[in-house]
Amino acid sequence: MKTLLLTVDNCVNNSEIYSQAVDYLNRGELVAFPTETVYGLGAVATDESAIRKIFEAKDRPSDNPLIVHIGNVEEIPTYIEYIPEVAKKCMEKFWPGPLTIVMKAKDGVVAPSVTAGLNTVGIRMPDHPVALTLLRTLKKPLAAPSANRSGKPSPTKAFHVKEDMDGRIPCIIDGGTTGIGLESTVLDVTTETPVILRPGGVTKEMLEEVIGRVAQPTLQEQKEEKTPKAPGMKYTHYAPEAPVYLIDDSTNLYEAIARLQAEGHTVALLAPDGYEQCGANYFFTLGDENEQQQMGVYLYDALRACDKTDATIILARATYKKGVGVAIMNRLEKAAGDKWYNNKK
């Protein structure tokens, strides 16, 4: 299969590009497209055969549900049995935006593989002009996980998608680098207290200002879910080829790197600005540690950059779990399989 790359140019009329992409989707094919979080791999959410192609292209486990993207709030009653008041408040405040809301699905509307056998579905309206134009031109919902091979770092640029999906999907829309760089927050509103199933750009603190108390399980508590309600709850994700170890302030970076190099390792370091002189063979900045939104933008690009090197081990400097830092650490812990250097003897 040849993968076509369609580039959206804000200075010209892109209607032909959107028409081509819509034609692919209406024929039951897959199209990768940018959102404000990461690039998504889209198929019409009501087309079961098309949805199965997503799992095949990504090598994705079939019990990992997909998020449904819509172009207008008015579409919600088509797919949702009941819209709780807390969900309405979140939509008014955070949509379009990086918030997925898990609600009770109507029977027999979205394709069975979208929900992975659950009676709930996660829905969001992305805040990106390309994604919204595509959805509103198509006039159908798109199920769209991140457009990467399962387990690999999510793509924030079109060429990241091409690296993973070339020859596996027919079409990629290049809309430039995504703005946030971390997948959406997933909020389950089917419980008495809303629960964050996956942290993202919309933080616990932001949600609680709007709807009151919100629960946020630890990574270990999420692993105890037998059937995940949202992507990213169960499996190791976001990992480059070389093993990743987290490292915190309790371990001297200079000494850790020197020790690993003495053991024969080639070390890549992912850390905020200011750690360039630690002696690593490769250094990839995560930006200003006091600007965690910026760190989120850099994260996946840095993880992918490690695969372009001959690094045999990757050290990732932990950040503080506050605000977006919760989402950053969630992704780093998954990339590392929750391995910490100070536990590695």
Protein backbone atom coordinates (compact mmCIF):
# COMPACT_ATOMS: atom_id res chain seq x y z
CA MET A 1 0.00 0.00 0.00
CA LYS A 2 1.25 3.47 -0.90
CA THR A 3 0.75 6.09 1.81
CA LEU A 4 -0.29 9.48 0.43
CA LEU A 5 0.84 12.60 2.31
CA LEU A 6 -1.54 15.55 1.94
CA THR A 7 -0.23 18.88 3.25
CA VAL A 8 -2.67 21.51 4.45
CA ASP A 9 -1.53 25.04 3.60
CA ASN A 10 -3.33 27.76 5.54
CA CYS A 11 -2.68 30.23 2.73
CA VAL A 12 -4.65 28.32 0.06
CA ASN A 13 -7.99 26.59 -0.40
CA ASN A 14 -7.64 23.05 0.99
CA SER A 15 -11.06 21.75 -0.03
CA GLU A 16 -9.59 19.21 -2.46
CA ILE A 17 -7.42 17.74 0.31
CA TYR A 18 -10.40 17.34 2.62
CA SER A 19 -12.45 15.81 -0.22
CA GLN A 20 -9.73 13.22 -0.84
CA ALA A 21 -9.53 12.36 2.85
CA VAL A 22 -13.32 12.10 3.17
CA ASP A 23 -13.42 9.80 0.13
CA TYR A 24 -10.94 7.46 1.83
CA LEU A 25 -12.95 7.47 5.06
CA ASN A 26 -16.27 6.87 3.30
CA ARG A 27 -14.69 3.86 1.55
CA GLY A 28 -13.84 2.36 4.92
CA GLU A 29 -10.16 3.36 4.87
CA LEU A 30 -7.94 5.00 7.49
CA VAL A 31 -6.74 8.61 7.52
CA ALA A 32 -4.20 10.07 9.95
CA PHE A 33 -4.83 13.69 10.89
CA PRO A 34 -3.57 16.25 13.42
CA THR A 35 -5.40 17.27 16.56
CA GLU A 36 -4.28 19.74 19.20
CA THR A 37 -2.90 16.83 21.25
CA VAL A 38 -1.25 14.29 18.91
CA TYR A 39 -1.91 12.91 15.43
CA GLY A 40 -4.89 10.56 15.34
CA LEU A 41 -5.55 7.52 13.15
CA GLY A 42 -9.15 7.89 12.09
CA ALA A 43 -11.86 5.58 10.79
CA VAL A 44 -15.62 6.11 10.70
CA ALA A 45 -16.75 5.12 14.19
CA THR A 46 -19.90 3.33 12.98
CA ASP A 47 -18.04 1.13 10.46
CA GLU A 48 -16.86 -2.07 12.17
CA SER A 49 -14.69 -3.27 9.27
CA ALA A 50 -12.93 0.10 9.12
CA ILE A 51 -12.38 0.11 12.89
CA ARG A 52 -10.73 -3.31 12.69
CA LYS A 53 -8.21 -1.82 10.27
CA ILE A 54 -7.10 0.57 13.04
CA PHE A 55 -6.26 -2.34 15.35
CA GLU A 56 -4.44 -4.11 12.50
CA ALA A 57 -2.42 -1.05 11.43
CA LYS A 58 -1.38 -0.26 15.01
CA ASP A 59 -0.96 -3.87 16.24
CA ARG A 60 -3.28 -2.71 19.02
CA PRO A 61 -4.84 -5.10 21.59
CA SER A 62 -8.54 -5.58 20.89
CA ASP A 63 -9.56 -4.89 24.50
CA ASN A 64 -8.18 -1.34 24.31
CA PRO A 65 -11.14 0.98 23.53
CA LEU A 66 -11.02 3.89 21.08
CA ILE A 67 -12.01 7.52 21.52
CA VAL A 68 -14.70 8.93 19.23
CA HIS A 69 -14.12 12.41 17.79
CA ILE A 70 -17.02 14.64 16.77
CA GLY A 71 -17.25 17.99 15.02
CA ASN A 72 -20.31 19.42 16.79
CA VAL A 73 -21.80 19.10 20.27
CA GLU A 74 -25.22 18.53 18.71
CA GLU A 75 -24.07 15.05 17.64
CA ILE A 76 -23.71 13.79 21.22
CA PRO A 77 -27.31 12.47 21.71
CA THR A 78 -26.84 10.24 18.64
CA TYR A 79 -24.23 8.16 20.47
CA ILE A 80 -24.91 8.70 24.17
CA GLU A 81 -27.81 7.28 26.16
CA TYR A 82 -27.75 9.95 28.86
CA ILE A 83 -25.65 13.11 29.25
CA PRO A 84 -24.97 13.78 32.96
CA GLU A 85 -24.99 17.37 34.19
CA VAL A 86 -21.27 17.21 35.02
CA ALA A 87 -20.60 16.22 31.41
CA LYS A 88 -22.57 19.20 30.12
CA LYS A 89 -20.56 21.54 32.35
CA CYS A 90 -17.29 20.05 31.10
CA MET A 91 -18.36 20.37 27.47
CA GLU A 92 -19.29 24.02 27.97
CA LYS A 93 -15.96 24.80 29.62
CA PHE A 94 -13.43 22.58 27.84
CA TRP A 95 -14.83 21.78 24.37
CA PRO A 96 -13.46 21.99 21.81
CA GLY A 97 -10.34 20.89 23.62
CA PRO A 98 -8.21 18.07 25.05
CA LEU A 99 -10.89 16.44 27.21
CA THR A 100 -12.49 13.07 26.47
CA ILE A 101 -15.67 12.32 28.40
CA VAL A 102 -16.67 8.69 29.03
CA MET A 103 -20.45 8.20 29.13
CA LYS A 104 -23.01 5.41 28.69
CA ALA A 105 -23.20 4.49 25.00
CA LYS A 106 -26.40 3.88 23.08
CA ASP A 107 -26.70 0.26 22.02
CA GLY A 108 -25.76 -0.61 18.46
CA VAL A 109 -24.67 2.83 17.25
CA VAL A 110 -20.88 2.90 17.29
CA ALA A 111 -19.00 -0.15 16.03
CA PRO A 112 -18.53 -2.86 18.71
CA SER A 113 -14.73 -2.72 18.49
CA VAL A 114 -14.76 0.97 19.43
CA THR A 115 -16.00 0.21 22.94
CA ALA A 116 -14.07 -3.07 23.33
CA GLY A 117 -17.21 -4.74 24.65
CA LEU A 118 -18.02 -2.08 27.25
CA ASN A 119 -21.31 -0.20 27.58
CA THR A 120 -19.45 3.13 27.69
CA VAL A 121 -17.71 5.26 25.08
CA GLY A 122 -15.27 8.16 25.29
CA ILE A 123 -16.11 11.18 23.15
CA ARG A 124 -14.31 14.45 22.52
CA MET A 125 -14.39 17.44 20.18
CA PRO A 126 -10.81 18.34 19.17
CA ASP A 127 -9.59 21.93 19.13
CA HIS A 128 -7.68 21.88 15.87
CA PRO A 129 -8.77 23.49 12.58
CA VAL A 130 -7.74 20.50 10.44
CA ALA A 131 -9.48 17.96 12.67
CA LEU A 132 -12.66 20.04 12.93
CA THR A 133 -12.79 20.78 9.20
CA LEU A 134 -12.31 17.08 8.41
CA LEU A 135 -15.05 16.04 10.85
CA ARG A 136 -17.49 18.68 9.67
CA THR A 137 -16.84 17.88 6.01
CA LEU A 138 -17.27 14.15 6.65
CA LYS A 139 -20.37 14.67 8.84
CA LYS A 140 -19.62 11.40 10.64
CA PRO A 141 -17.81 10.54 13.89
CA LEU A 142 -14.22 9.33 13.76
CA ALA A 143 -12.74 6.80 16.13
CA ALA A 144 -9.11 7.85 16.36
CA PRO A 145 -6.36 6.58 18.65
CA SER A 146 -2.87 8.04 18.27
CA ALA A 147 -1.40 7.34 14.83
CA ASN A 148 1.60 5.27 15.95
CA ARG A 149 2.44 1.59 16.23
CA SER A 150 1.07 0.35 19.52
CA GLY A 151 3.48 0.87 22.40
CA LYS A 152 5.59 3.48 20.59
CA PRO A 153 5.73 7.21 21.39
CA SER A 154 2.70 9.07 20.05
CA PRO A 155 3.25 11.21 16.93
CA THR A 156 3.29 14.99 17.18
CA LYS A 157 4.43 15.55 13.57
CA ALA A 158 3.30 14.06 10.27
CA PHE A 159 6.71 12.49 9.63
CA HIS A 160 6.37 10.62 12.96
CA VAL A 161 3.20 9.06 11.54
CA LYS A 162 4.95 8.20 8.30
CA GLU A 163 7.78 6.50 10.21
CA ASP A 164 5.29 4.15 11.88
CA MET A 165 2.50 3.86 9.32
CA ASP A 166 4.11 4.12 5.87
CA GLY A 167 2.63 1.33 3.76
CA ARG A 168 0.05 0.49 6.46
CA ILE A 169 -2.48 3.27 5.83
CA PRO A 170 -3.50 5.07 2.63
CA CYS A 171 -3.48 8.70 3.75
CA ILE A 172 -1.85 11.18 6.17
CA ILE A 173 -2.94 14.82 6.44
CA ASP A 174 0.05 16.98 7.38
CA GLY A 175 -1.16 19.88 9.48
CA GLY A 176 2.16 20.72 11.12
CA THR A 177 3.32 20.07 14.68
CA THR A 178 0.58 19.51 17.25
CA GLY A 179 0.22 22.12 19.98
CA ILE A 180 -0.14 20.22 23.27
CA GLY A 181 1.82 17.04 22.58
CA LEU A 182 0.06 14.86 25.16
CA GLU A 183 -3.10 12.84 24.60
CA SER A 184 -6.37 14.19 25.96
CA THR A 185 -7.47 13.87 29.55
CA VAL A 186 -10.05 11.07 29.84
CA LEU A 187 -12.79 11.68 32.41
CA ASP A 188 -15.31 8.98 33.36
CA VAL A 189 -18.61 10.56 34.42
CA THR A 190 -20.52 7.27 34.81
CA THR A 191 -19.46 7.00 38.46
CA GLU A 192 -20.77 8.94 41.46
CA THR A 193 -17.49 10.83 41.65
CA PRO A 194 -16.01 11.57 38.20
CA VAL A 195 -12.72 9.72 37.67
CA ILE A 196 -9.71 10.70 35.57
CA LEU A 197 -8.79 7.55 33.66
CA ARG A 198 -5.90 9.23 31.85
CA PRO A 199 -4.34 12.57 32.82
CA GLY A 200 -3.73 15.16 30.12
CA GLY A 201 -3.83 18.86 29.35
CA VAL A 202 -7.06 19.42 31.27
CA THR A 203 -5.87 18.88 34.83
CA LYS A 204 -7.60 17.64 37.97
CA GLU A 205 -7.42 21.16 39.38
CA MET A 206 -9.07 22.65 36.28
CA LEU A 207 -11.87 20.08 36.37
CA GLU A 208 -12.55 20.55 40.08
CA GLU A 209 -13.04 24.27 39.57
CA VAL A 210 -15.95 23.41 37.29
CA ILE A 211 -17.56 20.21 38.67
CA GLY A 212 -16.23 19.76 42.21
CA ARG A 213 -14.43 16.68 43.49
CA VAL A 214 -12.68 14.50 40.91
CA ALA A 215 -10.85 11.23 41.66
CA GLN A 216 -7.45 10.54 40.09
CA PRO A 217 -6.19 6.95 40.57
CA THR A 218 -2.48 6.23 40.75
CA LEU A 219 -0.78 4.36 37.93
CA GLN A 220 -0.82 1.19 40.04
CA GLU A 221 -4.54 1.54 40.75
CA GLN A 222 -5.18 1.94 37.02
CA LYS A 223 -3.33 -1.30 36.34
CA GLU A 224 -5.80 -3.13 38.57
CA GLU A 225 -8.59 -2.48 36.05
CA LYS A 226 -9.28 -5.84 34.38
CA THR A 227 -10.91 -4.21 31.36
CA PRO A 228 -9.66 -0.70 30.56
CA LYS A 229 -12.33 1.95 30.01
CA ALA A 230 -9.89 4.23 28.23
CA PRO A 231 -6.71 4.04 26.15
CA GLY A 232 -3.49 4.00 28.11
CA MET A 233 -4.79 2.34 31.28
CA LYS A 234 -3.43 -1.16 30.92
CA TYR A 235 -0.50 -1.52 28.56
CA THR A 236 3.07 -0.20 28.40
CA HIS A 237 3.07 2.81 26.12
CA TYR A 238 5.16 5.57 24.65
CA ALA A 239 8.41 3.57 24.69
CA PRO A 240 11.41 3.98 22.37
CA GLU A 241 13.60 1.01 21.44
CA ALA A 242 16.19 1.39 24.22
CA PRO A 243 15.06 0.75 27.82
CA VAL A 244 13.97 3.85 29.75
CA TYR A 245 14.73 4.44 33.42
CA LEU A 246 13.33 7.30 35.45
CA ILE A 247 15.72 9.19 37.71
CA ASP A 248 14.96 11.77 40.39
CA ASP A 249 16.75 14.31 42.57
CA SER A 250 17.81 11.64 45.06
CA THR A 251 20.27 10.24 42.51
CA ASN A 252 23.23 12.26 41.22
CA LEU A 253 22.86 12.42 37.46
CA TYR A 254 26.59 12.91 36.82
CA GLU A 255 27.46 9.81 38.86
CA ALA A 256 24.64 7.73 37.35
CA ILE A 257 25.69 8.55 33.79
CA ALA A 258 29.38 7.92 34.52
CA ARG A 259 28.56 4.57 36.11
CA LEU A 260 26.42 3.46 33.17
CA GLN A 261 29.09 4.50 30.69
CA ALA A 262 31.70 2.57 32.70
CA GLU A 263 29.43 -0.47 32.34
CA GLY A 264 29.57 -0.03 28.56
CA HIS A 265 26.30 1.82 28.00
CA THR A 266 25.69 4.66 25.57
CA VAL A 267 23.41 7.00 27.51
CA ALA A 268 20.67 9.30 26.24
CA LEU A 269 19.32 11.81 28.75
CA LEU A 270 15.86 13.38 28.63
CA ALA A 271 15.75 16.29 31.04
CA PRO A 272 14.71 19.93 31.37
CA ASP A 273 17.02 22.76 30.37
CA GLY A 274 20.09 23.04 32.59
CA TYR A 275 21.18 19.39 32.47
CA GLU A 276 23.15 19.61 29.21
CA GLN A 277 26.53 19.23 30.93
CA CYS A 278 25.78 15.98 32.79
CA GLY A 279 28.04 13.96 30.49
CA ALA A 280 25.39 11.94 28.63
CA ASN A 281 26.25 10.77 25.13
CA TYR A 282 23.03 12.34 23.90
CA PHE A 283 20.93 15.06 25.50
CA PHE A 284 17.34 15.86 24.56
CA THR A 285 15.74 18.82 26.24
CA LEU A 286 12.26 18.76 27.70
CA GLY A 287 12.25 22.54 27.90
CA ASP A 288 11.80 24.72 30.96
CA GLU A 289 10.81 22.66 34.01
CA ASN A 290 8.73 25.60 35.25
CA GLU A 291 6.75 25.56 31.98
CA GLN A 292 5.21 22.10 32.03
CA GLN A 293 2.97 22.79 29.04
CA GLN A 294 6.20 23.23 27.08
CA MET A 295 7.59 19.97 28.49
CA GLY A 296 4.53 18.15 27.21
CA VAL A 297 5.14 19.49 23.70
CA TYR A 298 8.76 18.25 23.71
CA LEU A 299 8.21 14.84 25.33
CA TYR A 300 7.22 12.50 22.49
CA ASP A 301 9.54 14.14 19.98
CA ALA A 302 12.42 13.59 22.43
CA LEU A 303 11.47 9.95 23.03
CA ARG A 304 11.34 9.34 19.28
CA ALA A 305 14.66 11.15 18.77
CA CYS A 306 16.31 8.56 21.02
CA ASP A 307 15.59 5.92 18.38
CA LYS A 308 17.77 7.86 15.91
CA THR A 309 20.79 7.31 18.15
CA ASP A 310 22.82 4.28 19.22
CA ALA A 311 21.83 4.79 22.88
CA THR A 312 21.57 1.53 24.82
CA ILE A 313 19.83 3.11 27.81
CA ILE A 314 17.70 6.22 28.30
CA LEU A 315 17.51 8.17 31.53
CA ALA A 316 14.48 10.42 31.94
CA ARG A 317 14.54 13.08 34.63
CA ALA A 318 11.34 12.97 36.69
CA THR A 319 9.30 16.13 37.13
CA TYR A 320 6.89 17.10 39.88
CA LYS A 321 3.36 15.70 39.85
CA LYS A 322 1.34 18.87 39.80
CA GLY A 323 -0.93 20.17 37.06
CA VAL A 324 0.22 18.92 33.65
CA GLY A 325 3.19 17.32 35.44
CA VAL A 326 0.83 14.49 36.41
CA ALA A 327 0.26 13.71 32.71
CA ILE A 328 3.97 14.03 31.88
CA MET A 329 4.92 11.61 34.64
CA ASN A 330 2.11 9.25 33.64
CA ARG A 331 3.63 8.99 30.14
CA LEU A 332 7.20 8.71 31.43
CA GLU A 333 6.25 6.00 33.94
CA LYS A 334 4.60 4.03 31.14
CA ALA A 335 7.56 4.54 28.80
CA ALA A 336 9.83 3.20 31.54
CA GLY A 337 7.49 0.42 32.61
CA ASP A 338 7.73 2.16 36.02
CA LYS A 339 11.47 1.38 36.23
CA TRP A 340 13.64 3.77 38.28
CA TYR A 341 17.41 3.96 37.99
CA ASN A 342 17.94 3.99 41.75
CA ASN A 343 16.27 0.55 41.86
CA LYS A 344 18.54 -0.83 39.14
CA LYS A 345 21.48 -2.68 40.68
